Amino acid sequence: MTRFQLPTVLSAAAICVAVTGCKDKTEDTGTEPTVTYEEVLNDVLIPSCGFNACHGEGEGFLTIAEGQTEAEWLTFESSAVPGTMLIEAGSASTSYLVKKIEGASDIEGDVMPPSGKMDQSRINKVRSWIDNIEE
């Protein structure tokens, strides 16, 4: 059996770490990790839109509540633009929900939430979720 000296083994390990790095893959690519529907519902939609004075009570014919499924969200249409789906699976940029929270020029009515533009980190979570929906 071949015996290696401890300094040689440690040097080899250090080289491996230096070459491969210890970063998370999302740091290497510069992209954010994929966000799940549950994270978006619980961290963005319910706290930003689902309270009683707003979509928690069904304002604008949209109710946002705990227990809703991603499949349900994929069937929701805009009440302001009939026939327009809120979510375009795999395409955050064309999803009406994203357009409403970003205040795009082609929306009907006001930006959501009406108190002003949503925090960019929350918008990014919604975008990540929608961009990664597979149908």
N, C-alpha and C. Protein backbone atom coordinates (compact mmCIF):
# COMPACT_ATOMS: atom_id res chain seq x y z
N MET A 1 0.84 -1.18 0.00
CA MET A 1 0.00 0.00 0.00
C MET A 1 0.88 1.24 0.00
N THR A 2 0.51 2.21 -0.85
CA THR A 2 1.29 3.43 -0.94
C THR A 2 0.85 4.39 0.15
N ARG A 3 1.82 4.98 0.78
CA ARG A 3 1.55 5.94 1.83
C ARG A 3 1.87 7.34 1.33
N PHE A 4 0.92 8.29 1.52
CA PHE A 4 1.15 9.66 1.11
C PHE A 4 1.45 10.50 2.34
N GLN A 5 2.31 11.46 2.19
CA GLN A 5 2.63 12.38 3.27
C GLN A 5 1.47 13.36 3.43
N LEU A 6 1.14 13.73 4.66
CA LEU A 6 0.04 14.65 4.95
C LEU A 6 0.18 15.97 4.18
N PRO A 7 1.33 16.61 4.11
CA PRO A 7 1.43 17.86 3.36
C PRO A 7 1.08 17.68 1.88
N THR A 8 1.42 16.54 1.29
CA THR A 8 1.11 16.28 -0.12
C THR A 8 -0.39 16.17 -0.32
N VAL A 9 -1.06 15.45 0.58
CA VAL A 9 -2.51 15.27 0.51
C VAL A 9 -3.20 16.62 0.68
N LEU A 10 -2.76 17.41 1.64
CA LEU A 10 -3.37 18.72 1.87
C LEU A 10 -3.15 19.65 0.68
N SER A 11 -1.98 19.60 0.08
CA SER A 11 -1.71 20.43 -1.10
C SER A 11 -2.62 20.04 -2.25
N ALA A 12 -2.80 18.75 -2.45
CA ALA A 12 -3.69 18.26 -3.52
C ALA A 12 -5.12 18.72 -3.26
N ALA A 13 -5.55 18.64 -2.01
CA ALA A 13 -6.91 19.07 -1.67
C ALA A 13 -7.07 20.57 -1.91
N ALA A 14 -6.06 21.34 -1.56
CA ALA A 14 -6.12 22.79 -1.76
C ALA A 14 -6.20 23.12 -3.24
N ILE A 15 -5.48 22.40 -4.08
CA ILE A 15 -5.53 22.62 -5.52
C ILE A 15 -6.92 22.31 -6.05
N CYS A 16 -7.52 21.22 -5.59
CA CYS A 16 -8.88 20.85 -6.03
C CYS A 16 -9.87 21.94 -5.67
N VAL A 17 -9.77 22.47 -4.45
CA VAL A 17 -10.68 23.53 -4.02
C VAL A 17 -10.45 24.78 -4.86
N ALA A 18 -9.21 25.12 -5.12
CA ALA A 18 -8.89 26.32 -5.89
C ALA A 18 -9.41 26.19 -7.32
N VAL A 19 -9.30 25.01 -7.91
CA VAL A 19 -9.71 24.82 -9.29
C VAL A 19 -11.23 24.76 -9.41
N THR A 20 -11.88 23.99 -8.54
CA THR A 20 -13.33 23.82 -8.66
C THR A 20 -14.09 24.89 -7.94
N GLY A 21 -13.52 25.49 -6.92
CA GLY A 21 -14.20 26.53 -6.18
C GLY A 21 -15.20 25.95 -5.21
N CYS A 22 -15.60 26.78 -4.28
CA CYS A 22 -16.55 26.34 -3.27
C CYS A 22 -17.87 27.07 -3.41
N LYS A 23 -18.07 27.73 -4.52
CA LYS A 23 -19.27 28.52 -4.69
C LYS A 23 -20.47 27.65 -5.04
N ASP A 24 -21.63 28.16 -4.68
CA ASP A 24 -22.91 27.57 -5.08
C ASP A 24 -23.02 27.76 -6.59
N LYS A 25 -23.63 26.83 -7.29
CA LYS A 25 -23.74 26.91 -8.75
C LYS A 25 -24.44 28.19 -9.20
N THR A 26 -25.40 28.69 -8.40
CA THR A 26 -26.09 29.91 -8.81
C THR A 26 -25.15 31.09 -8.84
N GLU A 27 -24.10 31.07 -8.00
CA GLU A 27 -23.13 32.15 -8.03
C GLU A 27 -22.27 32.06 -9.28
N ASP A 28 -21.94 30.85 -9.72
CA ASP A 28 -21.12 30.68 -10.91
C ASP A 28 -21.81 31.19 -12.16
N THR A 29 -23.10 30.99 -12.27
CA THR A 29 -23.82 31.36 -13.48
C THR A 29 -24.39 32.77 -13.41
N GLY A 30 -24.42 33.33 -12.22
CA GLY A 30 -24.97 34.67 -12.06
C GLY A 30 -26.49 34.68 -12.04
N THR A 31 -27.12 33.53 -11.95
CA THR A 31 -28.58 33.48 -11.92
C THR A 31 -29.06 33.19 -10.50
N GLU A 32 -30.28 33.56 -10.26
CA GLU A 32 -30.90 33.30 -8.96
C GLU A 32 -31.39 31.85 -8.94
N PRO A 33 -31.47 31.25 -7.75
CA PRO A 33 -32.02 29.89 -7.68
C PRO A 33 -33.49 29.91 -8.07
N THR A 34 -33.97 28.79 -8.58
CA THR A 34 -35.37 28.68 -8.97
C THR A 34 -36.26 28.83 -7.75
N VAL A 35 -37.30 29.61 -7.90
CA VAL A 35 -38.25 29.87 -6.82
C VAL A 35 -39.49 29.02 -7.08
N THR A 36 -40.03 28.41 -6.04
CA THR A 36 -41.21 27.56 -6.18
C THR A 36 -42.49 28.38 -6.07
N TYR A 37 -43.56 27.80 -6.55
CA TYR A 37 -44.87 28.43 -6.44
C TYR A 37 -45.20 28.72 -4.97
N GLU A 38 -44.94 27.76 -4.09
CA GLU A 38 -45.27 27.92 -2.68
C GLU A 38 -44.54 29.11 -2.08
N GLU A 39 -43.28 29.30 -2.48
CA GLU A 39 -42.52 30.47 -2.00
C GLU A 39 -43.16 31.77 -2.48
N VAL A 40 -43.56 31.80 -3.73
CA VAL A 40 -44.18 33.00 -4.29
C VAL A 40 -45.51 33.27 -3.60
N LEU A 41 -46.32 32.25 -3.42
CA LEU A 41 -47.61 32.45 -2.76
C LEU A 41 -47.42 32.97 -1.34
N ASN A 42 -46.55 32.30 -0.57
CA ASN A 42 -46.40 32.64 0.85
C ASN A 42 -45.50 33.84 1.12
N ASP A 43 -44.51 34.09 0.27
CA ASP A 43 -43.56 35.18 0.52
C ASP A 43 -43.87 36.45 -0.25
N VAL A 44 -44.66 36.34 -1.32
CA VAL A 44 -44.92 37.51 -2.15
C VAL A 44 -46.41 37.82 -2.27
N LEU A 45 -47.17 36.89 -2.84
CA LEU A 45 -48.56 37.18 -3.16
C LEU A 45 -49.44 37.41 -1.94
N ILE A 46 -49.39 36.52 -0.97
CA ILE A 46 -50.24 36.70 0.21
C ILE A 46 -49.85 37.96 0.99
N PRO A 47 -48.56 38.16 1.33
CA PRO A 47 -48.23 39.36 2.09
C PRO A 47 -48.39 40.67 1.32
N SER A 48 -48.19 40.66 0.00
CA SER A 48 -48.27 41.90 -0.78
C SER A 48 -49.67 42.19 -1.30
N CYS A 49 -50.47 41.14 -1.51
CA CYS A 49 -51.75 41.32 -2.21
C CYS A 49 -52.93 40.62 -1.55
N GLY A 50 -52.67 39.63 -0.70
CA GLY A 50 -53.74 38.78 -0.21
C GLY A 50 -54.34 39.18 1.12
N PHE A 51 -54.19 40.42 1.52
CA PHE A 51 -54.78 40.84 2.79
C PHE A 51 -56.22 41.30 2.56
N ASN A 52 -56.97 41.50 3.64
CA ASN A 52 -58.41 41.73 3.54
C ASN A 52 -58.84 42.92 2.70
N ALA A 53 -58.10 44.00 2.71
CA ALA A 53 -58.52 45.18 1.96
C ALA A 53 -58.25 45.05 0.46
N CYS A 54 -57.68 43.95 0.07
CA CYS A 54 -57.29 43.81 -1.34
C CYS A 54 -57.77 42.47 -1.89
N HIS A 55 -56.88 41.67 -2.43
CA HIS A 55 -57.27 40.40 -3.05
C HIS A 55 -57.59 39.31 -2.05
N GLY A 56 -57.39 39.54 -0.77
CA GLY A 56 -57.85 38.60 0.25
C GLY A 56 -59.37 38.54 0.30
N GLU A 57 -59.98 39.64 -0.14
CA GLU A 57 -61.44 39.74 -0.20
C GLU A 57 -61.97 39.65 -1.63
N GLY A 58 -61.10 39.35 -2.56
CA GLY A 58 -61.54 39.17 -3.95
C GLY A 58 -61.62 40.44 -4.76
N GLU A 59 -60.94 41.50 -4.34
CA GLU A 59 -60.92 42.75 -5.08
C GLU A 59 -60.48 42.48 -6.52
N GLY A 60 -61.11 43.13 -7.48
CA GLY A 60 -60.76 42.95 -8.89
C GLY A 60 -61.04 41.54 -9.38
N PHE A 61 -61.95 40.86 -8.72
CA PHE A 61 -62.36 39.50 -9.09
C PHE A 61 -61.22 38.49 -8.98
N LEU A 62 -60.22 38.79 -8.17
CA LEU A 62 -59.12 37.86 -7.93
C LEU A 62 -58.96 37.69 -6.43
N THR A 63 -59.07 36.45 -5.97
CA THR A 63 -58.84 36.14 -4.57
C THR A 63 -57.51 35.43 -4.44
N ILE A 64 -56.69 35.92 -3.52
CA ILE A 64 -55.40 35.29 -3.24
C ILE A 64 -55.47 34.78 -1.81
N ALA A 65 -55.28 33.46 -1.65
CA ALA A 65 -55.43 32.86 -0.33
C ALA A 65 -54.54 31.64 -0.16
N GLU A 66 -54.28 31.31 1.08
CA GLU A 66 -53.52 30.10 1.39
C GLU A 66 -54.24 28.90 0.80
N GLY A 67 -53.48 27.91 0.40
CA GLY A 67 -54.06 26.67 -0.10
C GLY A 67 -54.32 26.66 -1.60
N GLN A 68 -54.20 27.81 -2.26
CA GLN A 68 -54.37 27.81 -3.70
C GLN A 68 -53.23 27.02 -4.33
N THR A 69 -53.53 26.38 -5.43
CA THR A 69 -52.50 25.58 -6.10
C THR A 69 -51.96 26.30 -7.33
N GLU A 70 -50.81 25.86 -7.75
CA GLU A 70 -50.22 26.40 -8.98
C GLU A 70 -51.16 26.13 -10.16
N ALA A 71 -51.76 24.96 -10.18
CA ALA A 71 -52.69 24.63 -11.28
C ALA A 71 -53.84 25.64 -11.34
N GLU A 72 -54.34 26.06 -10.18
CA GLU A 72 -55.40 27.08 -10.15
C GLU A 72 -54.90 28.39 -10.77
N TRP A 73 -53.70 28.82 -10.37
CA TRP A 73 -53.15 30.07 -10.88
C TRP A 73 -52.98 30.03 -12.39
N LEU A 74 -52.72 28.87 -12.94
CA LEU A 74 -52.55 28.76 -14.39
C LEU A 74 -53.87 28.89 -15.15
N THR A 75 -54.99 28.92 -14.42
CA THR A 75 -56.30 29.09 -15.06
C THR A 75 -56.87 30.49 -14.86
N PHE A 76 -56.22 31.32 -14.06
CA PHE A 76 -56.74 32.66 -13.75
C PHE A 76 -56.57 33.59 -14.95
N GLU A 77 -57.67 34.32 -15.24
CA GLU A 77 -57.65 35.32 -16.30
C GLU A 77 -57.72 36.71 -15.69
N SER A 78 -57.26 37.69 -16.43
CA SER A 78 -57.38 39.08 -16.01
C SER A 78 -58.84 39.49 -16.11
N SER A 79 -59.35 40.17 -15.08
CA SER A 79 -60.71 40.69 -15.17
C SER A 79 -60.73 41.98 -15.98
N ALA A 80 -59.59 42.67 -16.05
CA ALA A 80 -59.50 43.92 -16.80
C ALA A 80 -59.36 43.69 -18.30
N VAL A 81 -58.75 42.56 -18.67
CA VAL A 81 -58.54 42.23 -20.08
C VAL A 81 -59.04 40.80 -20.29
N PRO A 82 -60.35 40.63 -20.48
CA PRO A 82 -60.91 39.29 -20.64
C PRO A 82 -60.19 38.49 -21.73
N GLY A 83 -59.95 37.22 -21.42
CA GLY A 83 -59.26 36.34 -22.35
C GLY A 83 -57.74 36.36 -22.18
N THR A 84 -57.24 37.23 -21.32
CA THR A 84 -55.80 37.31 -21.07
C THR A 84 -55.49 36.56 -19.79
N MET A 85 -54.67 35.54 -19.92
CA MET A 85 -54.28 34.75 -18.75
C MET A 85 -53.31 35.56 -17.89
N LEU A 86 -53.42 35.40 -16.56
CA LEU A 86 -52.48 36.09 -15.67
C LEU A 86 -51.08 35.52 -15.79
N ILE A 87 -50.99 34.21 -15.99
CA ILE A 87 -49.70 33.54 -16.05
C ILE A 87 -49.52 32.89 -17.43
N GLU A 88 -48.41 33.19 -18.07
CA GLU A 88 -48.00 32.50 -19.29
C GLU A 88 -46.84 31.60 -18.87
N ALA A 89 -47.12 30.31 -18.69
CA ALA A 89 -46.11 29.37 -18.20
C ALA A 89 -44.82 29.47 -19.00
N GLY A 90 -43.70 29.65 -18.28
CA GLY A 90 -42.40 29.72 -18.92
C GLY A 90 -42.03 31.09 -19.47
N SER A 91 -42.91 32.09 -19.31
CA SER A 91 -42.65 33.41 -19.88
C SER A 91 -43.12 34.53 -18.96
N ALA A 92 -42.26 34.89 -18.02
CA ALA A 92 -42.61 35.97 -17.09
C ALA A 92 -42.83 37.28 -17.83
N SER A 93 -42.03 37.55 -18.87
CA SER A 93 -42.15 38.85 -19.55
C SER A 93 -43.49 39.06 -20.23
N THR A 94 -44.15 37.98 -20.63
CA THR A 94 -45.45 38.14 -21.29
C THR A 94 -46.62 37.85 -20.35
N SER A 95 -46.34 37.51 -19.11
CA SER A 95 -47.40 37.22 -18.14
C SER A 95 -48.01 38.52 -17.65
N TYR A 96 -49.33 38.58 -17.70
CA TYR A 96 -50.03 39.80 -17.31
C TYR A 96 -49.81 40.11 -15.83
N LEU A 97 -49.66 39.09 -14.99
CA LEU A 97 -49.40 39.32 -13.57
C LEU A 97 -48.11 40.12 -13.40
N VAL A 98 -47.07 39.75 -14.10
CA VAL A 98 -45.78 40.46 -14.01
C VAL A 98 -45.94 41.88 -14.56
N LYS A 99 -46.65 42.01 -15.65
CA LYS A 99 -46.87 43.34 -16.22
C LYS A 99 -47.58 44.24 -15.22
N LYS A 100 -48.57 43.69 -14.50
CA LYS A 100 -49.30 44.49 -13.51
C LYS A 100 -48.40 44.90 -12.34
N ILE A 101 -47.55 43.99 -11.88
CA ILE A 101 -46.71 44.36 -10.72
C ILE A 101 -45.50 45.20 -11.12
N GLU A 102 -45.15 45.19 -12.41
CA GLU A 102 -44.05 46.04 -12.88
C GLU A 102 -44.55 47.37 -13.45
N GLY A 103 -45.86 47.48 -13.64
CA GLY A 103 -46.41 48.72 -14.18
C GLY A 103 -46.12 48.92 -15.65
N ALA A 104 -46.21 47.84 -16.43
CA ALA A 104 -45.95 47.92 -17.87
C ALA A 104 -46.92 48.90 -18.54
N SER A 105 -46.53 49.44 -19.66
CA SER A 105 -47.34 50.45 -20.35
C SER A 105 -48.61 49.87 -20.98
N ASP A 106 -48.65 48.55 -21.17
CA ASP A 106 -49.82 47.95 -21.85
C ASP A 106 -50.83 47.32 -20.90
N ILE A 107 -50.79 47.69 -19.60
CA ILE A 107 -51.78 47.14 -18.67
C ILE A 107 -53.02 48.03 -18.64
N GLU A 108 -54.11 47.45 -18.21
CA GLU A 108 -55.33 48.21 -17.95
C GLU A 108 -55.35 48.51 -16.46
N GLY A 109 -55.73 49.71 -16.10
CA GLY A 109 -55.81 50.08 -14.70
C GLY A 109 -54.44 50.42 -14.13
N ASP A 110 -54.36 50.31 -12.80
CA ASP A 110 -53.16 50.73 -12.08
C ASP A 110 -52.17 49.60 -11.87
N VAL A 111 -50.94 50.00 -11.56
CA VAL A 111 -49.92 49.04 -11.14
C VAL A 111 -50.39 48.38 -9.85
N MET A 112 -49.99 47.15 -9.64
CA MET A 112 -50.32 46.44 -8.41
C MET A 112 -49.04 46.18 -7.64
N PRO A 113 -49.04 46.35 -6.38
CA PRO A 113 -50.13 46.87 -5.56
C PRO A 113 -50.31 48.37 -5.79
N PRO A 114 -51.52 48.88 -5.53
CA PRO A 114 -51.80 50.28 -5.80
C PRO A 114 -50.97 51.25 -4.94
N SER A 115 -50.39 50.76 -3.87
CA SER A 115 -49.56 51.61 -3.02
C SER A 115 -48.22 51.95 -3.67
N GLY A 116 -47.93 51.32 -4.79
CA GLY A 116 -46.68 51.59 -5.50
C GLY A 116 -46.00 50.31 -5.93
N LYS A 117 -44.96 50.46 -6.71
CA LYS A 117 -44.27 49.30 -7.26
C LYS A 117 -43.76 48.37 -6.16
N MET A 118 -43.94 47.10 -6.41
CA MET A 118 -43.48 46.05 -5.49
C MET A 118 -41.96 46.04 -5.46
N ASP A 119 -41.40 45.66 -4.34
CA ASP A 119 -39.96 45.53 -4.18
C ASP A 119 -39.39 44.61 -5.26
N GLN A 120 -38.27 44.99 -5.85
CA GLN A 120 -37.68 44.24 -6.96
C GLN A 120 -37.35 42.79 -6.60
N SER A 121 -36.93 42.53 -5.36
CA SER A 121 -36.61 41.15 -4.99
C SER A 121 -37.87 40.27 -5.03
N ARG A 122 -39.00 40.85 -4.69
CA ARG A 122 -40.26 40.10 -4.77
C ARG A 122 -40.66 39.87 -6.23
N ILE A 123 -40.49 40.89 -7.04
CA ILE A 123 -40.78 40.74 -8.47
C ILE A 123 -39.89 39.66 -9.07
N ASN A 124 -38.62 39.64 -8.69
CA ASN A 124 -37.70 38.62 -9.20
C ASN A 124 -38.15 37.22 -8.82
N LYS A 125 -38.71 37.05 -7.62
CA LYS A 125 -39.22 35.74 -7.21
C LYS A 125 -40.37 35.31 -8.11
N VAL A 126 -41.29 36.23 -8.37
CA VAL A 126 -42.43 35.92 -9.24
C VAL A 126 -41.92 35.56 -10.64
N ARG A 127 -40.99 36.34 -11.15
CA ARG A 127 -40.42 36.07 -12.49
C ARG A 127 -39.75 34.69 -12.53
N SER A 128 -38.96 34.37 -11.51
CA SER A 128 -38.27 33.07 -11.48
C SER A 128 -39.28 31.93 -11.50
N TRP A 129 -40.30 32.04 -10.67
CA TRP A 129 -41.33 31.00 -10.64
C TRP A 129 -41.96 30.81 -12.00
N ILE A 130 -42.44 31.91 -12.60
CA ILE A 130 -43.14 31.80 -13.88
C ILE A 130 -42.22 31.29 -14.99
N ASP A 131 -41.00 31.81 -15.04
CA ASP A 131 -40.06 31.38 -16.08
C ASP A 131 -39.74 29.89 -15.99
N ASN A 132 -39.89 29.32 -14.82
CA ASN A 132 -39.54 27.90 -14.64
C ASN A 132 -40.73 26.97 -14.57
N ILE A 133 -41.91 27.47 -14.88
CA ILE A 133 -43.10 26.59 -14.93
C ILE A 133 -43.03 25.81 -16.24
N GLU A 134 -43.15 24.51 -16.11
CA GLU A 134 -43.16 23.65 -17.30
C GLU A 134 -44.56 23.10 -17.48
N GLU A 135 -45.04 23.14 -18.70
CA GLU A 135 -46.36 22.55 -18.98
C GLU A 135 -46.20 21.38 -19.88
